[in-house]
Amino acid sequence: MDTPAYVKAVIEQTSTFADWVHDKDAATPVPTCPEWTLADLVDHVGGTQRMVAMLVGEQLSEPSKAFAALVPGPADPGEWRAWLGDGVARAQQAFAAVTDETPVWDPSGGAAGVPFWSRRLLGEICVHRADAAAALGTRYELDPELAVAALEDWLATMTSRGYWENRPGFADAMRGDGQSLHFHATDAPGEWVARREPDRVALERTHDKADVAVRGPAAELLLVVSRRRPLDEAPTLEVQGDRALLDHWITHMDWVTG
C-alpha cells in the first residue's frame, strides 16, 4: 500500500528534526518544555513514533504492550539521527500495511484508529520540531497546509472525549455554558470554533461568530495555541473580543510541555 500523505510529511519533518539535534549537547535545556533537556525531547519523539508503529503495525486493541516497549534513545547524540530515522521508518512500514478502517486502539474515545494516529504523529513532530528550534536557536518555518493539519490535530485531541475524561483538571477548567473561541488560519484553509459546554468542549470546523476570535498565519496560530510562543510575541495574530477567555484557554493548553 502507499504511504499516507500525513506519514510522508512526518518522515520529512522527522528528517529535519534529526538533522537539527544530531550530535548536539544532550543536556541542552528546552525552554518550551521547561522540565526537558534535548535528550528528553529526542526520547519522546523517537519513542512515540515507535509506540505508534507497534500499535498500528500489530493492530493492538489496547495499548499496554506498546507502552511497555517504550525505551530511551541512545545516550550518544552522535547516534540520534540514525535512531530517529529507524523509528520513523518503522512507522512508515506500519501505516503502509493497514487502511483507515483497520481497527486500532486510540485515546480519543471516538474509535478514530488509524487516521487518528497518522494525524497525531504529524502534530507531534510539527510541535516538537518547534521545541528543537527553541532549544537550538534555529529558525522555525512550517508550510501553512501542514500547520493547519497540526493545528487540527492539537484542537481535536484536546477537545476529544477521551482527553476530557482522562484529564479531570483540564475538564474542570474548561467547563462552561457556551463560551466560544474562533481560530482562523489566514494563509491556508482552516477555521475552528470551540464551545465550552458543561460536559465537553465542542469543536466545529466552521466560520462563526464567537466571544473571542484569533486569526493569522497557521504556523503562528499553532505555536501560540500549543504554548510554544506567547501570544504577546506573535504580532502577526489579530485578536478580537474577550482576550481573557483566550488567555484562559491558552493557559490550559499545557499538554506535552514537560
Protein backbone atom coordinates (compact mmCIF):
# COMPACT_ATOMS: atom_id res chain seq x y z
CA MET A 1 0.00 0.00 0.00
CA ASP A 2 1.06 3.62 -0.45
CA THR A 3 2.34 5.68 2.45
CA PRO A 4 -0.44 8.05 3.69
CA ALA A 5 0.15 11.75 2.98
CA TYR A 6 0.39 12.65 6.66
CA VAL A 7 3.01 9.95 7.20
CA LYS A 8 5.05 11.25 4.26
CA ALA A 9 5.05 14.65 5.95
CA VAL A 10 6.05 13.01 9.25
CA ILE A 11 9.05 11.44 7.53
CA GLU A 12 10.15 14.79 6.09
CA GLN A 13 9.64 16.67 9.36
CA THR A 14 11.45 13.98 11.35
CA SER A 15 14.40 14.11 8.95
CA THR A 16 14.73 17.86 9.57
CA PHE A 17 14.36 17.36 13.33
CA ALA A 18 17.04 14.63 13.25
CA ASP A 19 19.46 16.84 11.33
CA TRP A 20 18.97 19.63 13.87
CA VAL A 21 19.52 17.56 17.02
CA HIS A 22 22.19 15.17 15.73
CA ASP A 23 25.37 15.30 17.81
CA LYS A 24 24.18 18.28 19.87
CA ASP A 25 24.65 18.57 23.64
CA ALA A 26 22.17 16.17 25.25
CA ALA A 27 21.87 18.43 28.32
CA THR A 28 20.67 21.46 26.32
CA PRO A 29 17.52 22.79 28.02
CA VAL A 30 14.29 23.01 26.03
CA PRO A 31 12.71 26.35 27.02
CA THR A 32 9.27 25.48 25.61
CA CYS A 33 9.23 22.26 27.68
CA PRO A 34 10.86 23.55 30.89
CA GLU A 35 11.34 20.14 32.51
CA TRP A 36 13.06 18.62 29.47
CA THR A 37 16.56 18.51 28.04
CA LEU A 38 17.30 17.89 24.38
CA ALA A 39 17.81 14.21 25.22
CA ASP A 40 14.30 14.07 26.73
CA LEU A 41 12.88 15.65 23.58
CA VAL A 42 14.63 13.13 21.33
CA ASP A 43 13.50 10.25 23.58
CA HIS A 44 9.90 11.48 23.36
CA VAL A 45 9.83 11.93 19.58
CA GLY A 46 11.55 8.65 18.73
CA GLY A 47 9.79 6.70 21.45
CA THR A 48 6.34 7.95 20.45
CA GLN A 49 6.91 7.05 16.81
CA ARG A 50 8.00 3.55 17.79
CA MET A 51 5.00 3.16 20.10
CA VAL A 52 2.59 4.20 17.36
CA ALA A 53 4.35 1.90 14.89
CA MET A 54 3.69 -1.03 17.23
CA LEU A 55 0.07 -0.04 17.91
CA VAL A 56 -0.71 0.29 14.20
CA GLY A 57 1.54 -2.44 12.87
CA GLU A 58 0.26 -5.05 15.31
CA GLN A 59 -3.29 -3.63 15.24
CA LEU A 60 -3.46 -3.58 19.04
CA SER A 61 -6.84 -3.23 20.72
CA GLU A 62 -5.31 -1.84 23.93
CA PRO A 63 -2.02 -0.02 24.50
CA SER A 64 -0.19 -1.77 27.35
CA LYS A 65 2.20 -3.74 25.13
CA ALA A 66 3.20 -0.63 23.19
CA PHE A 67 3.58 1.45 26.36
CA ALA A 68 5.78 -1.24 27.92
CA ALA A 69 8.04 -1.24 24.86
CA LEU A 70 8.98 2.45 25.21
CA VAL A 71 12.75 2.86 25.52
CA PRO A 72 15.00 5.95 25.62
CA GLY A 73 17.15 6.91 22.68
CA PRO A 74 20.90 6.35 22.51
CA ALA A 75 22.99 8.10 25.14
CA ASP A 76 25.38 9.21 22.39
CA PRO A 77 23.90 12.17 20.46
CA GLY A 78 26.01 11.08 17.51
CA GLU A 79 23.61 8.15 17.15
CA TRP A 80 20.41 10.20 17.31
CA ARG A 81 19.95 10.77 13.58
CA ALA A 82 20.08 7.05 12.78
CA TRP A 83 17.84 6.16 15.74
CA LEU A 84 15.21 8.70 14.75
CA GLY A 85 15.38 7.57 11.13
CA ASP A 86 14.82 3.96 12.18
CA GLY A 87 11.80 4.89 14.30
CA VAL A 88 10.03 6.84 11.58
CA ALA A 89 10.82 4.06 9.08
CA ARG A 90 9.01 1.62 11.39
CA ALA A 91 6.02 3.95 11.45
CA GLN A 92 6.04 4.23 7.66
CA GLN A 93 6.07 0.45 7.32
CA ALA A 94 3.24 0.06 9.83
CA PHE A 95 0.92 2.57 8.14
CA ALA A 96 1.67 1.18 4.68
CA ALA A 97 0.32 -2.20 5.82
CA VAL A 98 -3.12 -1.01 7.04
CA THR A 99 -6.09 1.01 5.83
CA ASP A 100 -8.04 3.78 7.55
CA GLU A 101 -10.64 1.18 8.50
CA THR A 102 -8.18 -1.14 10.27
CA PRO A 103 -9.21 -1.27 13.96
CA VAL A 104 -6.51 0.10 16.27
CA TRP A 105 -6.78 1.45 19.81
CA ASP A 106 -6.53 5.22 20.26
CA PRO A 107 -7.15 7.52 23.25
CA SER A 108 -9.73 9.82 21.65
CA GLY A 109 -12.77 7.93 22.91
CA GLY A 110 -14.19 8.00 19.39
CA ALA A 111 -12.55 4.90 17.87
CA ALA A 112 -10.71 7.08 15.36
CA GLY A 113 -7.98 4.46 14.92
CA VAL A 114 -5.50 4.67 12.06
CA PRO A 115 -6.47 8.19 10.87
CA PHE A 116 -6.10 9.45 14.43
CA TRP A 117 -2.56 8.12 14.67
CA SER A 118 -1.32 9.37 11.30
CA ARG A 119 -2.56 12.88 12.15
CA ARG A 120 -1.26 12.57 15.73
CA LEU A 121 2.26 11.79 14.54
CA LEU A 122 2.16 14.82 12.26
CA GLY A 123 1.00 17.11 15.05
CA GLU A 124 3.67 15.67 17.35
CA ILE A 125 6.62 16.25 15.06
CA CYS A 126 5.49 19.72 13.94
CA VAL A 127 5.21 20.93 17.53
CA HIS A 128 8.34 19.18 18.77
CA ARG A 129 10.38 20.49 15.88
CA ALA A 130 9.42 23.92 17.25
CA ASP A 131 10.77 22.77 20.62
CA ALA A 132 14.06 21.79 18.99
CA ALA A 133 14.22 25.15 17.22
CA ALA A 134 13.74 26.97 20.53
CA ALA A 135 16.41 24.86 22.23
CA LEU A 136 18.98 25.28 19.47
CA GLY A 137 18.25 28.82 18.34
CA THR A 138 17.16 27.62 14.91
CA ARG A 139 14.61 29.41 12.74
CA TYR A 140 11.27 27.57 12.65
CA GLU A 141 9.22 27.52 9.47
CA LEU A 142 6.28 25.28 8.54
CA ASP A 143 4.23 25.00 5.38
CA PRO A 144 0.77 26.53 6.02
CA GLU A 145 -1.10 23.37 4.97
CA LEU A 146 0.96 21.26 7.38
CA ALA A 147 0.44 23.85 10.10
CA VAL A 148 -3.33 23.63 9.58
CA ALA A 149 -3.18 19.83 9.86
CA ALA A 150 -1.08 20.05 13.02
CA LEU A 151 -3.45 22.63 14.50
CA GLU A 152 -6.39 20.39 13.65
CA ASP A 153 -4.62 17.58 15.49
CA TRP A 154 -3.99 19.72 18.55
CA LEU A 155 -7.52 21.11 18.77
CA ALA A 156 -9.25 17.81 18.00
CA THR A 157 -7.14 15.87 20.50
CA MET A 158 -7.57 18.44 23.26
CA THR A 159 -11.35 18.54 22.74
CA SER A 160 -11.78 14.76 22.41
CA ARG A 161 -13.98 12.83 24.80
CA GLY A 162 -11.00 10.71 25.86
CA TYR A 163 -8.88 13.73 26.80
CA TRP A 164 -11.77 15.26 28.76
CA GLU A 165 -12.32 12.05 30.71
CA ASN A 166 -8.64 11.34 31.39
CA ARG A 167 -7.62 14.86 32.41
CA PRO A 168 -10.06 15.95 35.12
CA GLY A 169 -8.13 19.15 35.84
CA PHE A 170 -8.48 20.19 32.22
CA ALA A 171 -12.17 19.26 32.22
CA ASP A 172 -12.83 21.35 35.34
CA ALA A 173 -11.03 24.35 33.84
CA MET A 174 -12.83 24.07 30.50
CA ARG A 175 -16.39 23.57 31.72
CA GLY A 176 -18.61 26.40 30.58
CA ASP A 177 -22.03 27.40 29.36
CA GLY A 178 -21.34 28.13 25.73
CA GLN A 179 -18.33 30.44 25.78
CA SER A 180 -16.83 30.28 22.30
CA LEU A 181 -13.45 30.74 20.64
CA HIS A 182 -12.80 31.08 16.92
CA PHE A 183 -9.42 30.12 15.42
CA HIS A 184 -8.88 31.23 11.81
CA ALA A 185 -5.84 30.48 9.64
CA THR A 186 -5.38 33.16 7.00
CA ASP A 187 -2.78 31.53 4.72
CA ALA A 188 -4.43 28.11 4.23
CA PRO A 189 -8.00 26.81 4.64
CA GLY A 190 -8.62 26.19 8.31
CA GLU A 191 -11.22 27.53 10.75
CA TRP A 192 -12.48 26.12 14.03
CA VAL A 193 -14.98 27.21 16.68
CA ALA A 194 -14.57 25.69 20.15
CA ARG A 195 -17.52 25.97 22.57
CA ARG A 196 -17.11 25.31 26.28
CA GLU A 197 -20.09 23.25 27.44
CA PRO A 198 -20.77 21.77 30.90
CA ASP A 199 -19.68 18.27 29.85
CA ARG A 200 -17.28 18.80 26.94
CA VAL A 201 -15.61 21.22 24.58
CA ALA A 202 -17.45 21.02 21.27
CA LEU A 203 -15.29 21.64 18.20
CA GLU A 204 -16.77 22.70 14.87
CA ARG A 205 -14.83 23.23 11.64
CA THR A 206 -16.66 26.34 10.58
CA HIS A 207 -16.69 30.12 10.39
CA ASP A 208 -19.00 31.59 13.01
CA LYS A 209 -19.24 34.45 15.47
CA ALA A 210 -17.57 33.78 18.79
CA ASP A 211 -16.79 35.51 22.07
CA VAL A 212 -13.18 35.80 21.00
CA ALA A 213 -11.51 35.29 17.62
CA VAL A 214 -7.84 34.93 16.79
CA ARG A 215 -6.68 34.93 13.17
CA GLY A 216 -3.38 34.89 11.36
CA PRO A 217 -0.80 32.59 9.73
CA ALA A 218 -1.40 28.93 10.51
CA ALA A 219 2.11 28.26 11.84
CA GLU A 220 1.86 31.19 14.22
CA LEU A 221 -1.55 30.00 15.41
CA LEU A 222 -0.10 26.55 16.03
CA LEU A 223 2.79 27.90 18.08
CA VAL A 224 0.53 30.09 20.23
CA VAL A 225 -2.22 27.51 20.79
CA SER A 226 0.36 24.85 21.69
CA ARG A 227 2.10 27.28 24.07
CA ARG A 228 5.32 27.33 22.06
CA ARG A 229 5.12 31.10 21.60
CA PRO A 230 3.47 33.65 23.92
CA LEU A 231 0.57 35.48 22.33
CA ASP A 232 2.24 38.82 23.05
CA GLU A 233 5.21 37.67 20.93
CA ALA A 234 3.04 36.82 17.92
CA PRO A 235 2.44 40.20 16.25
CA THR A 236 1.00 38.63 13.09
CA LEU A 237 -2.02 37.34 15.03
CA GLU A 238 -5.12 39.51 15.37
CA VAL A 239 -7.36 39.07 18.42
CA GLN A 240 -10.91 40.38 18.58
CA GLY A 241 -13.25 40.01 21.54
CA ASP A 242 -12.73 38.60 25.02
CA ARG A 243 -8.94 38.40 25.42
CA ALA A 244 -9.29 36.95 28.93
CA LEU A 245 -11.21 33.97 27.51
CA LEU A 246 -8.41 33.30 25.04
CA ASP A 247 -5.76 33.67 27.75
CA HIS A 248 -7.66 31.15 29.91
CA TRP A 249 -7.76 28.69 27.01
CA ILE A 250 -4.04 29.01 26.26
CA THR A 251 -3.14 28.68 29.95
CA HIS A 252 -4.71 25.22 29.97
CA MET A 253 -3.13 24.05 26.70
CA ASP A 254 -0.29 22.58 28.77
CA TRP A 255 -0.30 19.14 27.15
CA VAL A 256 3.19 17.78 26.29
CA THR A 257 5.11 20.77 27.58
CA GLY A 258 7.32 18.98 30.05
